[in-house]
Amino acid sequence: MSFNEVVFLILTGLTISSAFLMAGLAFYAGRTRIKEIDKIAHGFEIPHDSIFFLVMRVPTYGFAFLWGWYAKRMGLDGKIEHFDKRFRWPFIVAAVFGLFGIVMMIVMVLFDQYFGIT
């Protein structure tokens, strides 16, 4: 196995594992905590509880918890401040894993484009 193949497999493994970890954390946070945020942020519970819809919503709240600018941009700046750190961590970690997976996917594609698998 060549060096390029090993690097490509490592990048692929990091991409896939971060995607599964993000989906698992999104499922966990979505089933246990997201309804509380929906009640405060929107005034009602959003009825869509599919894993695909949660994978879109959980990182959104995670980035709002992580950066004040994003919370202000989403209109959540005054609404989510009373949640403690223990409540916030699955959202933040899911958002970071999602961002890490996207970056690793881009690096993987660029590596394959410029160095290739021989």
PDB file of N, CA and C in Angstrom:
ATOM      1  N   MET A   1       0.845  -1.170   0.000  1.00  0.00           N
ATOM      2  CA  MET A   1       0.000   0.000   0.000  1.00  0.00           C
ATOM      3  C   MET A   1       0.895   1.239   0.000  1.00  0.00           C
ATOM      4  N   SER A   2       0.613   2.174  -0.862  1.00  0.00           N
ATOM      5  CA  SER A   2       1.456   3.355  -0.964  1.00  0.00           C
ATOM      6  C   SER A   2       1.084   4.386   0.106  1.00  0.00           C
ATOM      7  N   PHE A   3       1.948   5.361   0.246  1.00  0.00           N
ATOM      8  CA  PHE A   3       1.733   6.431   1.227  1.00  0.00           C
ATOM      9  C   PHE A   3       0.458   7.211   0.914  1.00  0.00           C
ATOM     10  N   ASN A   4       0.196   7.472  -0.357  1.00  0.00           N
ATOM     11  CA  ASN A   4      -1.005   8.213  -0.751  1.00  0.00           C
ATOM     12  C   ASN A   4      -2.280   7.473  -0.369  1.00  0.00           C
ATOM     13  N   GLU A   5      -2.277   6.161  -0.532  1.00  0.00           N
ATOM     14  CA  GLU A   5      -3.446   5.366  -0.150  1.00  0.00           C
ATOM     15  C   GLU A   5      -3.677   5.393   1.345  1.00  0.00           C
ATOM     16  N   VAL A   6      -2.619   5.337   2.122  1.00  0.00           N
ATOM     17  CA  VAL A   6      -2.745   5.367   3.572  1.00  0.00           C
ATOM     18  C   VAL A   6      -3.311   6.708   4.036  1.00  0.00           C
ATOM     19  N   VAL A   7      -2.781   7.787   3.496  1.00  0.00           N
ATOM     20  CA  VAL A   7      -3.278   9.117   3.864  1.00  0.00           C
ATOM     21  C   VAL A   7      -4.734   9.270   3.452  1.00  0.00           C
ATOM     22  N   PHE A   8      -5.078   8.795   2.273  1.00  0.00           N
ATOM     23  CA  PHE A   8      -6.459   8.888   1.810  1.00  0.00           C
ATOM     24  C   PHE A   8      -7.392   8.076   2.707  1.00  0.00           C
ATOM     25  N   LEU A   9      -6.978   6.902   3.117  1.00  0.00           N
ATOM     26  CA  LEU A   9      -7.804   6.083   4.010  1.00  0.00           C
ATOM     27  C   LEU A   9      -7.955   6.733   5.392  1.00  0.00           C
ATOM     28  N   ILE A  10      -6.903   7.355   5.897  1.00  0.00           N
ATOM     29  CA  ILE A  10      -6.990   8.054   7.176  1.00  0.00           C
ATOM     30  C   ILE A  10      -7.969   9.223   7.078  1.00  0.00           C
ATOM     31  N   LEU A  11      -7.862  10.008   6.014  1.00  0.00           N
ATOM     32  CA  LEU A  11      -8.785  11.129   5.825  1.00  0.00           C
ATOM     33  C   LEU A  11     -10.228  10.653   5.656  1.00  0.00           C
ATOM     34  N   THR A  12     -10.415   9.565   4.939  1.00  0.00           N
ATOM     35  CA  THR A  12     -11.751   9.003   4.786  1.00  0.00           C
ATOM     36  C   THR A  12     -12.303   8.517   6.113  1.00  0.00           C
ATOM     37  N   GLY A  13     -11.474   7.863   6.892  1.00  0.00           N
ATOM     38  CA  GLY A  13     -11.905   7.396   8.209  1.00  0.00           C
ATOM     39  C   GLY A  13     -12.275   8.543   9.135  1.00  0.00           C
ATOM     40  N   LEU A  14     -11.484   9.611   9.119  1.00  0.00           N
ATOM     41  CA  LEU A  14     -11.814  10.777   9.941  1.00  0.00           C
ATOM     42  C   LEU A  14     -13.119  11.421   9.497  1.00  0.00           C
ATOM     43  N   THR A  15     -13.343  11.491   8.206  1.00  0.00           N
ATOM     44  CA  THR A  15     -14.578  12.079   7.690  1.00  0.00           C
ATOM     45  C   THR A  15     -15.793  11.259   8.093  1.00  0.00           C
ATOM     46  N   ILE A  16     -15.724   9.969   7.884  1.00  0.00           N
ATOM     47  CA  ILE A  16     -16.862   9.100   8.186  1.00  0.00           C
ATOM     48  C   ILE A  16     -17.114   9.013   9.681  1.00  0.00           C
ATOM     49  N   SER A  17     -16.057   8.906  10.479  1.00  0.00           N
ATOM     50  CA  SER A  17     -16.261   8.808  11.924  1.00  0.00           C
ATOM     51  C   SER A  17     -16.814  10.101  12.503  1.00  0.00           C
ATOM     52  N   SER A  18     -16.369  11.249  11.996  1.00  0.00           N
ATOM     53  CA  SER A  18     -16.927  12.499  12.509  1.00  0.00           C
ATOM     54  C   SER A  18     -18.388  12.654  12.097  1.00  0.00           C
ATOM     55  N   ALA A  19     -18.751  12.164  10.928  1.00  0.00           N
ATOM     56  CA  ALA A  19     -20.154  12.220  10.505  1.00  0.00           C
ATOM     57  C   ALA A  19     -21.026  11.342  11.396  1.00  0.00           C
ATOM     58  N   PHE A  20     -20.557  10.137  11.721  1.00  0.00           N
ATOM     59  CA  PHE A  20     -21.332   9.262  12.599  1.00  0.00           C
ATOM     60  C   PHE A  20     -21.416   9.815  14.020  1.00  0.00           C
ATOM     61  N   LEU A  21     -20.324  10.380  14.515  1.00  0.00           N
ATOM     62  CA  LEU A  21     -20.364  10.976  15.850  1.00  0.00           C
ATOM     63  C   LEU A  21     -21.305  12.180  15.898  1.00  0.00           C
ATOM     64  N   MET A  22     -21.286  12.990  14.852  1.00  0.00           N
ATOM     65  CA  MET A  22     -22.188  14.134  14.819  1.00  0.00           C
ATOM     66  C   MET A  22     -23.640  13.670  14.754  1.00  0.00           C
ATOM     67  N   ALA A  23     -23.924  12.659  13.957  1.00  0.00           N
ATOM     68  CA  ALA A  23     -25.294  12.157  13.870  1.00  0.00           C
ATOM     69  C   ALA A  23     -25.748  11.544  15.195  1.00  0.00           C
ATOM     70  N   GLY A  24     -24.854  10.829  15.864  1.00  0.00           N
ATOM     71  CA  GLY A  24     -25.197  10.266  17.168  1.00  0.00           C
ATOM     72  C   GLY A  24     -25.464  11.330  18.218  1.00  0.00           C
ATOM     73  N   LEU A  25     -24.617  12.350  18.255  1.00  0.00           N
ATOM     74  CA  LEU A  25     -24.847  13.441  19.202  1.00  0.00           C
ATOM     75  C   LEU A  25     -26.096  14.239  18.838  1.00  0.00           C
ATOM     76  N   ALA A  26     -26.358  14.404  17.555  1.00  0.00           N
ATOM     77  CA  ALA A  26     -27.579  15.101  17.146  1.00  0.00           C
ATOM     78  C   ALA A  26     -28.808  14.307  17.557  1.00  0.00           C
ATOM     79  N   PHE A  27     -28.742  12.993  17.413  1.00  0.00           N
ATOM     80  CA  PHE A  27     -29.856  12.148  17.851  1.00  0.00           C
ATOM     81  C   PHE A  27     -30.050  12.237  19.358  1.00  0.00           C
ATOM     82  N   TYR A  28     -28.947  12.175  20.120  1.00  0.00           N
ATOM     83  CA  TYR A  28     -29.028  12.274  21.578  1.00  0.00           C
ATOM     84  C   TYR A  28     -29.582  13.628  22.016  1.00  0.00           C
ATOM     85  N   ALA A  29     -29.029  14.705  21.486  1.00  0.00           N
ATOM     86  CA  ALA A  29     -29.489  16.041  21.878  1.00  0.00           C
ATOM     87  C   ALA A  29     -30.904  16.292  21.387  1.00  0.00           C
ATOM     88  N   GLY A  30     -31.235  15.768  20.230  1.00  0.00           N
ATOM     89  CA  GLY A  30     -32.565  15.971  19.686  1.00  0.00           C
ATOM     90  C   GLY A  30     -33.638  15.241  20.455  1.00  0.00           C
ATOM     91  N   ARG A  31     -33.319  14.083  20.958  1.00  0.00           N
ATOM     92  CA  ARG A  31     -34.307  13.322  21.721  1.00  0.00           C
ATOM     93  C   ARG A  31     -34.426  13.785  23.169  1.00  0.00           C
ATOM     94  N   THR A  32     -33.403  14.436  23.699  1.00  0.00           N
ATOM     95  CA  THR A  32     -33.443  14.793  25.111  1.00  0.00           C
ATOM     96  C   THR A  32     -33.575  16.280  25.377  1.00  0.00           C
ATOM     97  N   ARG A  33     -33.019  17.149  24.532  1.00  0.00           N
ATOM     98  CA  ARG A  33     -32.891  18.547  24.907  1.00  0.00           C
ATOM     99  C   ARG A  33     -33.433  19.567  23.926  1.00  0.00           C
ATOM    100  N   ILE A  34     -33.672  19.201  22.708  1.00  0.00           N
ATOM    101  CA  ILE A  34     -33.970  20.220  21.702  1.00  0.00           C
ATOM    102  C   ILE A  34     -35.357  20.831  21.864  1.00  0.00           C
ATOM    103  N   LYS A  35     -36.284  20.103  22.465  1.00  0.00           N
ATOM    104  CA  LYS A  35     -37.629  20.650  22.644  1.00  0.00           C
ATOM    105  C   LYS A  35     -37.635  21.824  23.621  1.00  0.00           C
ATOM    106  N   GLU A  36     -36.739  21.799  24.604  1.00  0.00           N
ATOM    107  CA  GLU A  36     -36.630  22.932  25.533  1.00  0.00           C
ATOM    108  C   GLU A  36     -36.143  24.189  24.814  1.00  0.00           C
ATOM    109  N   ILE A  37     -35.180  24.029  23.924  1.00  0.00           N
ATOM    110  CA  ILE A  37     -34.675  25.184  23.176  1.00  0.00           C
ATOM    111  C   ILE A  37     -35.743  25.692  22.213  1.00  0.00           C
ATOM    112  N   ASP A  38     -36.459  24.777  21.570  1.00  0.00           N
ATOM    113  CA  ASP A  38     -37.507  25.200  20.639  1.00  0.00           C
ATOM    114  C   ASP A  38     -38.586  26.006  21.347  1.00  0.00           C
ATOM    115  N   LYS A  39     -38.964  25.592  22.564  1.00  0.00           N
ATOM    116  CA  LYS A  39     -39.982  26.335  23.306  1.00  0.00           C
ATOM    117  C   LYS A  39     -39.520  27.749  23.626  1.00  0.00           C
ATOM    118  N   ILE A  40     -38.254  27.893  23.974  1.00  0.00           N
ATOM    119  CA  ILE A  40     -37.746  29.219  24.338  1.00  0.00           C
ATOM    120  C   ILE A  40     -37.443  30.053  23.099  1.00  0.00           C
ATOM    121  N   ALA A  41     -36.820  29.451  22.110  1.00  0.00           N
ATOM    122  CA  ALA A  41     -36.398  30.207  20.933  1.00  0.00           C
ATOM    123  C   ALA A  41     -37.562  30.564  20.010  1.00  0.00           C
ATOM    124  N   HIS A  42     -38.480  29.625  19.804  1.00  0.00           N
ATOM    125  CA  HIS A  42     -39.554  29.844  18.844  1.00  0.00           C
ATOM    126  C   HIS A  42     -40.928  29.997  19.496  1.00  0.00           C
ATOM    127  N   GLY A  43     -41.061  29.589  20.743  1.00  0.00           N
ATOM    128  CA  GLY A  43     -42.337  29.676  21.430  1.00  0.00           C
ATOM    129  C   GLY A  43     -43.196  28.437  21.291  1.00  0.00           C
ATOM    130  N   PHE A  44     -42.741  27.452  20.536  1.00  0.00           N
ATOM    131  CA  PHE A  44     -43.487  26.206  20.353  1.00  0.00           C
ATOM    132  C   PHE A  44     -42.501  25.096  20.026  1.00  0.00           C
ATOM    133  N   GLU A  45     -42.961  23.855  20.149  1.00  0.00           N
ATOM    134  CA  GLU A  45     -42.127  22.712  19.788  1.00  0.00           C
ATOM    135  C   GLU A  45     -42.261  22.448  18.296  1.00  0.00           C
ATOM    136  N   ILE A  46     -41.139  22.239  17.642  1.00  0.00           N
ATOM    137  CA  ILE A  46     -41.168  21.897  16.223  1.00  0.00           C
ATOM    138  C   ILE A  46     -41.468  20.406  16.121  1.00  0.00           C
ATOM    139  N   PRO A  47     -42.503  20.016  15.387  1.00  0.00           N
ATOM    140  CA  PRO A  47     -42.946  18.619  15.424  1.00  0.00           C
ATOM    141  C   PRO A  47     -42.080  17.635  14.645  1.00  0.00           C
ATOM    142  N   HIS A  48     -41.144  18.088  13.819  1.00  0.00           N
ATOM    143  CA  HIS A  48     -40.338  17.170  13.012  1.00  0.00           C
ATOM    144  C   HIS A  48     -39.193  16.620  13.851  1.00  0.00           C
ATOM    145  N   ASP A  49     -39.223  15.323  14.133  1.00  0.00           N
ATOM    146  CA  ASP A  49     -38.189  14.703  14.952  1.00  0.00           C
ATOM    147  C   ASP A  49     -37.384  13.660  14.188  1.00  0.00           C
ATOM    148  N   SER A  50     -37.348  13.730  12.883  1.00  0.00           N
ATOM    149  CA  SER A  50     -36.551  12.763  12.141  1.00  0.00           C
ATOM    150  C   SER A  50     -35.071  13.084  12.337  1.00  0.00           C
ATOM    151  N   ILE A  51     -34.230  12.098  12.171  1.00  0.00           N
ATOM    152  CA  ILE A  51     -32.800  12.279  12.383  1.00  0.00           C
ATOM    153  C   ILE A  51     -32.226  13.262  11.362  1.00  0.00           C
ATOM    154  N   PHE A  52     -32.777  13.307  10.175  1.00  0.00           N
ATOM    155  CA  PHE A  52     -32.279  14.225   9.154  1.00  0.00           C
ATOM    156  C   PHE A  52     -32.571  15.676   9.529  1.00  0.00           C
ATOM    157  N   PHE A  53     -33.744  15.914  10.093  1.00  0.00           N
ATOM    158  CA  PHE A  53     -34.089  17.262  10.509  1.00  0.00           C
ATOM    159  C   PHE A  53     -33.284  17.662  11.743  1.00  0.00           C
ATOM    160  N   LEU A  54     -33.013  16.697  12.624  1.00  0.00           N
ATOM    161  CA  LEU A  54     -32.206  16.991  13.817  1.00  0.00           C
ATOM    162  C   LEU A  54     -30.758  17.288  13.452  1.00  0.00           C
ATOM    163  N   VAL A  55     -30.227  16.606  12.439  1.00  0.00           N
ATOM    164  CA  VAL A  55     -28.842  16.843  12.016  1.00  0.00           C
ATOM    165  C   VAL A  55     -28.688  18.253  11.453  1.00  0.00           C
ATOM    166  N   MET A  56     -29.767  18.845  10.982  1.00  0.00           N
ATOM    167  CA  MET A  56     -29.700  20.234  10.520  1.00  0.00           C
ATOM    168  C   MET A  56     -29.876  21.222  11.667  1.00  0.00           C
ATOM    169  N   ARG A  57     -30.748  20.914  12.620  1.00  0.00           N
ATOM    170  CA  ARG A  57     -31.057  21.868  13.688  1.00  0.00           C
ATOM    171  C   ARG A  57     -30.040  21.873  14.822  1.00  0.00           C
ATOM    172  N   VAL A  58     -29.532  20.725  15.227  1.00  0.00           N
ATOM    173  CA  VAL A  58     -28.625  20.653  16.376  1.00  0.00           C
ATOM    174  C   VAL A  58     -27.344  21.451  16.141  1.00  0.00           C
ATOM    175  N   PRO A  59     -26.654  21.333  14.987  1.00  0.00           N
ATOM    176  CA  PRO A  59     -25.476  22.186  14.794  1.00  0.00           C
ATOM    177  C   PRO A  59     -25.809  23.677  14.730  1.00  0.00           C
ATOM    178  N   THR A  60     -26.990  24.019  14.268  1.00  0.00           N
ATOM    179  CA  THR A  60     -27.382  25.423  14.254  1.00  0.00           C
ATOM    180  C   THR A  60     -27.422  25.977  15.668  1.00  0.00           C
ATOM    181  N   TYR A  61     -28.047  25.245  16.572  1.00  0.00           N
ATOM    182  CA  TYR A  61     -28.062  25.666  17.973  1.00  0.00           C
ATOM    183  C   TYR A  61     -26.663  25.584  18.589  1.00  0.00           C
ATOM    184  N   GLY A  62     -25.864  24.606  18.156  1.00  0.00           N
ATOM    185  CA  GLY A  62     -24.501  24.472  18.672  1.00  0.00           C
ATOM    186  C   GLY A  62     -23.637  25.670  18.330  1.00  0.00           C
ATOM    187  N   PHE A  63     -23.723  26.123  17.090  1.00  0.00           N
ATOM    188  CA  PHE A  63     -22.955  27.316  16.716  1.00  0.00           C
ATOM    189  C   PHE A  63     -23.496  28.554  17.420  1.00  0.00           C
ATOM    190  N   ALA A  64     -24.796  28.598  17.677  1.00  0.00           N
ATOM    191  CA  ALA A  64     -25.356  29.729  18.425  1.00  0.00           C
ATOM    192  C   ALA A  64     -24.861  29.713  19.869  1.00  0.00           C
ATOM    193  N   PHE A  65     -24.731  28.524  20.466  1.00  0.00           N
ATOM    194  CA  PHE A  65     -24.170  28.423  21.816  1.00  0.00           C
ATOM    195  C   PHE A  65     -22.687  28.776  21.835  1.00  0.00           C
ATOM    196  N   LEU A  66     -21.989  28.459  20.763  1.00  0.00           N
ATOM    197  CA  LEU A  66     -20.546  28.640  20.714  1.00  0.00           C
ATOM    198  C   LEU A  66     -20.138  30.086  20.443  1.00  0.00           C
ATOM    199  N   TRP A  67     -20.812  30.756  19.518  1.00  0.00           N
ATOM    200  CA  TRP A  67     -20.439  32.113  19.149  1.00  0.00           C
ATOM    201  C   TRP A  67     -21.625  33.049  19.318  1.00  0.00           C
ATOM    202  N   GLY A  68     -21.382  34.136  20.009  1.00  0.00           N
ATOM    203  CA  GLY A  68     -22.414  35.138  20.219  1.00  0.00           C
ATOM    204  C   GLY A  68     -22.853  35.799  18.921  1.00  0.00           C
ATOM    205  N   TRP A  69     -21.912  35.961  17.988  1.00  0.00           N
ATOM    206  CA  TRP A  69     -22.250  36.556  16.709  1.00  0.00           C
ATOM    207  C   TRP A  69     -23.281  35.717  15.965  1.00  0.00           C
ATOM    208  N   TYR A  70     -23.107  34.400  15.985  1.00  0.00           N
ATOM    209  CA  TYR A  70     -24.048  33.524  15.287  1.00  0.00           C
ATOM    210  C   TYR A  70     -25.402  33.520  15.978  1.00  0.00           C
ATOM    211  N   ALA A  71     -25.393  33.567  17.312  1.00  0.00           N
ATOM    212  CA  ALA A  71     -26.655  33.633  18.045  1.00  0.00           C
ATOM    213  C   ALA A  71     -27.403  34.916  17.708  1.00  0.00           C
ATOM    214  N   LYS A  72     -26.668  36.001  17.603  1.00  0.00           N
ATOM    215  CA  LYS A  72     -27.294  37.270  17.238  1.00  0.00           C
ATOM    216  C   LYS A  72     -27.823  37.210  15.812  1.00  0.00           C
ATOM    217  N   ARG A  73     -27.072  36.597  14.932  1.00  0.00           N
ATOM    218  CA  ARG A  73     -27.484  36.459  13.537  1.00  0.00           C
ATOM    219  C   ARG A  73     -28.750  35.625  13.409  1.00  0.00           C
ATOM    220  N   MET A  74     -28.880  34.584  14.242  1.00  0.00           N
ATOM    221  CA  MET A  74     -30.047  33.712  14.194  1.00  0.00           C
ATOM    222  C   MET A  74     -31.221  34.246  15.014  1.00  0.00           C
ATOM    223  N   GLY A  75     -31.007  35.339  15.748  1.00  0.00           N
ATOM    224  CA  GLY A  75     -32.066  35.905  16.575  1.00  0.00           C
ATOM    225  C   GLY A  75     -32.247  35.190  17.899  1.00  0.00           C
ATOM    226  N   LEU A  76     -31.200  34.509  18.358  1.00  0.00           N
ATOM    227  CA  LEU A  76     -31.277  33.738  19.595  1.00  0.00           C
ATOM    228  C   LEU A  76     -30.431  34.323  20.718  1.00  0.00           C
ATOM    229  N   ASP A  77     -29.892  35.525  20.535  1.00  0.00           N
ATOM    230  CA  ASP A  77     -28.909  36.052  21.479  1.00  0.00           C
ATOM    231  C   ASP A  77     -29.462  36.268  22.874  1.00  0.00           C
ATOM    232  N   GLY A  78     -30.654  36.696  23.053  1.00  0.00           N
ATOM    233  CA  GLY A  78     -31.199  36.903  24.384  1.00  0.00           C
ATOM    234  C   GLY A  78     -31.975  35.721  24.914  1.00  0.00           C
ATOM    235  N   LYS A  79     -32.224  34.737  24.070  1.00  0.00           N
ATOM    236  CA  LYS A  79     -33.096  33.632  24.437  1.00  0.00           C
ATOM    237  C   LYS A  79     -32.359  32.408  24.977  1.00  0.00           C
ATOM    238  N   ILE A  80     -31.099  32.216  24.608  1.00  0.00           N
ATOM    239  CA  ILE A  80     -30.411  30.975  24.969  1.00  0.00           C
ATOM    240  C   ILE A  80     -29.365  31.170  26.051  1.00  0.00           C
ATOM    241  N   GLU A  81     -29.290  32.337  26.617  1.00  0.00           N
ATOM    242  CA  GLU A  81     -28.232  32.609  27.590  1.00  0.00           C
ATOM    243  C   GLU A  81     -28.424  31.905  28.927  1.00  0.00           C
ATOM    244  N   HIS A  82     -29.614  31.485  29.248  1.00  0.00           N
ATOM    245  CA  HIS A  82     -29.825  30.871  30.560  1.00  0.00           C
ATOM    246  C   HIS A  82     -29.561  29.359  30.588  1.00  0.00           C
ATOM    247  N   PHE A  83     -29.199  28.769  29.454  1.00  0.00           N
ATOM    248  CA  PHE A  83     -28.842  27.348  29.443  1.00  0.00           C
ATOM    249  C   PHE A  83     -27.423  27.181  29.971  1.00  0.00           C
ATOM    250  N   ASP A  84     -27.221  26.221  30.870  1.00  0.00           N
ATOM    251  CA  ASP A  84     -25.896  26.021  31.457  1.00  0.00           C
ATOM    252  C   ASP A  84     -24.983  25.229  30.524  1.00  0.00           C
ATOM    253  N   LYS A  85     -23.702  25.128  30.896  1.00  0.00           N
ATOM    254  CA  LYS A  85     -22.699  24.464  30.049  1.00  0.00           C
ATOM    255  C   LYS A  85     -23.000  22.981  29.874  1.00  0.00           C
ATOM    256  N   ARG A  86     -23.539  22.357  30.894  1.00  0.00           N
ATOM    257  CA  ARG A  86     -23.847  20.935  30.799  1.00  0.00           C
ATOM    258  C   ARG A  86     -24.953  20.670  29.782  1.00  0.00           C
ATOM    259  N   PHE A  87     -25.869  21.603  29.665  1.00  0.00           N
ATOM    260  CA  PHE A  87     -26.941  21.483  28.677  1.00  0.00           C
ATOM    261  C   PHE A  87     -26.418  21.721  27.272  1.00  0.00           C
ATOM    262  N   ARG A  88     -25.455  22.618  27.117  1.00  0.00           N
ATOM    263  CA  ARG A  88     -24.969  23.052  25.810  1.00  0.00           C
ATOM    264  C   ARG A  88     -23.997  22.089  25.137  1.00  0.00           C
ATOM    265  N   TRP A  89     -23.263  21.275  25.894  1.00  0.00           N
ATOM    266  CA  TRP A  89     -22.134  20.540  25.328  1.00  0.00           C
ATOM    267  C   TRP A  89     -22.492  19.619  24.170  1.00  0.00           C
ATOM    268  N   PRO A  90     -23.626  18.864  24.153  1.00  0.00           N
ATOM    269  CA  PRO A  90     -23.859  18.012  22.980  1.00  0.00           C
ATOM    270  C   PRO A  90     -24.080  18.814  21.697  1.00  0.00           C
ATOM    271  N   PHE A  91     -24.686  19.980  21.822  1.00  0.00           N
ATOM    272  CA  PHE A  91     -24.919  20.812  20.648  1.00  0.00           C
ATOM    273  C   PHE A  91     -23.602  21.356  20.098  1.00  0.00           C
ATOM    274  N   ILE A  92     -22.751  21.825  21.003  1.00  0.00           N
ATOM    275  CA  ILE A  92     -21.469  22.395  20.586  1.00  0.00           C
ATOM    276  C   ILE A  92     -20.569  21.319  19.981  1.00  0.00           C
ATOM    277  N   VAL A  93     -20.491  20.163  20.624  1.00  0.00           N
ATOM    278  CA  VAL A  93     -19.633  19.089  20.111  1.00  0.00           C
ATOM    279  C   VAL A  93     -20.157  18.568  18.775  1.00  0.00           C
ATOM    280  N   ALA A  94     -21.468  18.462  18.616  1.00  0.00           N
ATOM    281  CA  ALA A  94     -22.024  18.028  17.328  1.00  0.00           C
ATOM    282  C   ALA A  94     -21.702  19.033  16.234  1.00  0.00           C
ATOM    283  N   ALA A  95     -21.770  20.321  16.555  1.00  0.00           N
ATOM    284  CA  ALA A  95     -21.438  21.344  15.557  1.00  0.00           C
ATOM    285  C   ALA A  95     -19.960  21.284  15.180  1.00  0.00           C
ATOM    286  N   VAL A  96     -19.090  21.080  16.162  1.00  0.00           N
ATOM    287  CA  VAL A  96     -17.658  21.007  15.888  1.00  0.00           C
ATOM    288  C   VAL A  96     -17.329  19.750  15.074  1.00  0.00           C
ATOM    289  N   PHE A  97     -17.943  18.610  15.415  1.00  0.00           N
ATOM    290  CA  PHE A  97     -17.722  17.390  14.628  1.00  0.00           C
ATOM    291  C   PHE A  97     -18.220  17.560  13.196  1.00  0.00           C
ATOM    292  N   GLY A  98     -19.339  18.222  13.009  1.00  0.00           N
ATOM    293  CA  GLY A  98     -19.837  18.469  11.662  1.00  0.00           C
ATOM    294  C   GLY A  98     -18.889  19.341  10.864  1.00  0.00           C
ATOM    295  N   LEU A  99     -18.389  20.394  11.479  1.00  0.00           N
ATOM    296  CA  LEU A  99     -17.433  21.275  10.807  1.00  0.00           C
ATOM    297  C   LEU A  99     -16.133  20.541  10.505  1.00  0.00           C
ATOM    298  N   PHE A 100     -15.663  19.735  11.459  1.00  0.00           N
ATOM    299  CA  PHE A 100     -14.452  18.944  11.254  1.00  0.00           C
ATOM    300  C   PHE A 100     -14.633  17.952  10.105  1.00  0.00           C
ATOM    301  N   GLY A 101     -15.798  17.321  10.027  1.00  0.00           N
ATOM    302  CA  GLY A 101     -16.072  16.372   8.941  1.00  0.00           C
ATOM    303  C   GLY A 101     -16.078  17.042   7.583  1.00  0.00           C
ATOM    304  N   ILE A 102     -16.638  18.238   7.509  1.00  0.00           N
ATOM    305  CA  ILE A 102     -16.653  18.962   6.240  1.00  0.00           C
ATOM    306  C   ILE A 102     -15.241  19.358   5.827  1.00  0.00           C
ATOM    307  N   VAL A 103     -14.442  19.821   6.790  1.00  0.00           N
ATOM    308  CA  VAL A 103     -13.056  20.193   6.487  1.00  0.00           C
ATOM    309  C   VAL A 103     -12.261  18.969   6.041  1.00  0.00           C
ATOM    310  N   MET A 104     -12.438  17.840   6.725  1.00  0.00           N
ATOM    311  CA  MET A 104     -11.718  16.627   6.330  1.00  0.00           C
ATOM    312  C   MET A 104     -12.161  16.138   4.953  1.00  0.00           C
ATOM    313  N   MET A 105     -13.430  16.312   4.623  1.00  0.00           N
ATOM    314  CA  MET A 105     -13.896  15.922   3.297  1.00  0.00           C
ATOM    315  C   MET A 105     -13.259  16.796   2.217  1.00  0.00           C
ATOM    316  N   ILE A 106     -13.155  18.082   2.470  1.00  0.00           N
ATOM    317  CA  ILE A 106     -12.516  18.978   1.508  1.00  0.00           C
ATOM    318  C   ILE A 106     -11.038  18.632   1.361  1.00  0.00           C
ATOM    319  N   VAL A 107     -10.358  18.377   2.480  1.00  0.00           N
ATOM    320  CA  VAL A 107      -8.939  17.992   2.425  1.00  0.00           C
ATOM    321  C   VAL A 107      -8.776  16.675   1.671  1.00  0.00           C
ATOM    322  N   MET A 108      -9.701  15.738   1.896  1.00  0.00           N
ATOM    323  CA  MET A 108      -9.633  14.449   1.224  1.00  0.00           C
ATOM    324  C   MET A 108      -9.786  14.619  -0.289  1.00  0.00           C
ATOM    325  N   VAL A 109     -10.728  15.435  -0.718  1.00  0.00           N
ATOM    326  CA  VAL A 109     -10.938  15.663  -2.150  1.00  0.00           C
ATOM    327  C   VAL A 109      -9.731  16.378  -2.763  1.00  0.00           C
ATOM    328  N   LEU A 110      -9.206  17.380  -2.060  1.00  0.00           N
ATOM    329  CA  LEU A 110      -8.032  18.087  -2.576  1.00  0.00           C
ATOM    330  C   LEU A 110      -6.812  17.183  -2.640  1.00  0.00           C
ATOM    331  N   PHE A 111      -6.646  16.340  -1.631  1.00  0.00           N
ATOM    332  CA  PHE A 111      -5.526  15.399  -1.637  1.00  0.00           C
ATOM    333  C   PHE A 111      -5.650  14.435  -2.807  1.00  0.00           C
ATOM    334  N   ASP A 112      -6.843  13.937  -3.045  1.00  0.00           N
ATOM    335  CA  ASP A 112      -7.040  13.020  -4.162  1.00  0.00           C
ATOM    336  C   ASP A 112      -6.840  13.719  -5.499  1.00  0.00           C
ATOM    337  N   GLN A 113      -7.245  14.984  -5.579  1.00  0.00           N
ATOM    338  CA  GLN A 113      -7.113  15.718  -6.828  1.00  0.00           C
ATOM    339  C   GLN A 113      -5.648  16.003  -7.159  1.00  0.00           C
ATOM    340  N   TYR A 114      -4.871  16.410  -6.167  1.00  0.00           N
ATOM    341  CA  TYR A 114      -3.505  16.845  -6.455  1.00  0.00           C
ATOM    342  C   TYR A 114      -2.458  15.749  -6.308  1.00  0.00           C
ATOM    343  N   PHE A 115      -2.703  14.775  -5.438  1.00  0.00           N
ATOM    344  CA  PHE A 115      -1.709  13.724  -5.263  1.00  0.00           C
ATOM    345  C   PHE A 115      -2.186  12.394  -5.816  1.00  0.00           C
ATOM    346  N   GLY A 116      -3.477  12.137  -5.730  1.00  0.00           N
ATOM    347  CA  GLY A 116      -4.061  10.951  -6.310  1.00  0.00           C
ATOM    348  C   GLY A 116      -3.645   9.657  -5.649  1.00  0.00           C
ATOM    349  N   ILE A 117      -4.398   8.653  -5.934  1.00  0.00           N
ATOM    350  CA  ILE A 117      -4.092   7.318  -5.439  1.00  0.00           C
ATOM    351  C   ILE A 117      -3.489   6.545  -6.612  1.00  0.00           C
ATOM    352  N   THR A 118      -2.267   6.110  -6.424  1.00  0.00           N
ATOM    353  CA  THR A 118      -1.599   5.412  -7.522  1.00  0.00           C
ATOM    354  C   THR A 118      -1.679   3.922  -7.387  1.00  0.00           C
TER     355      THR A 118
END
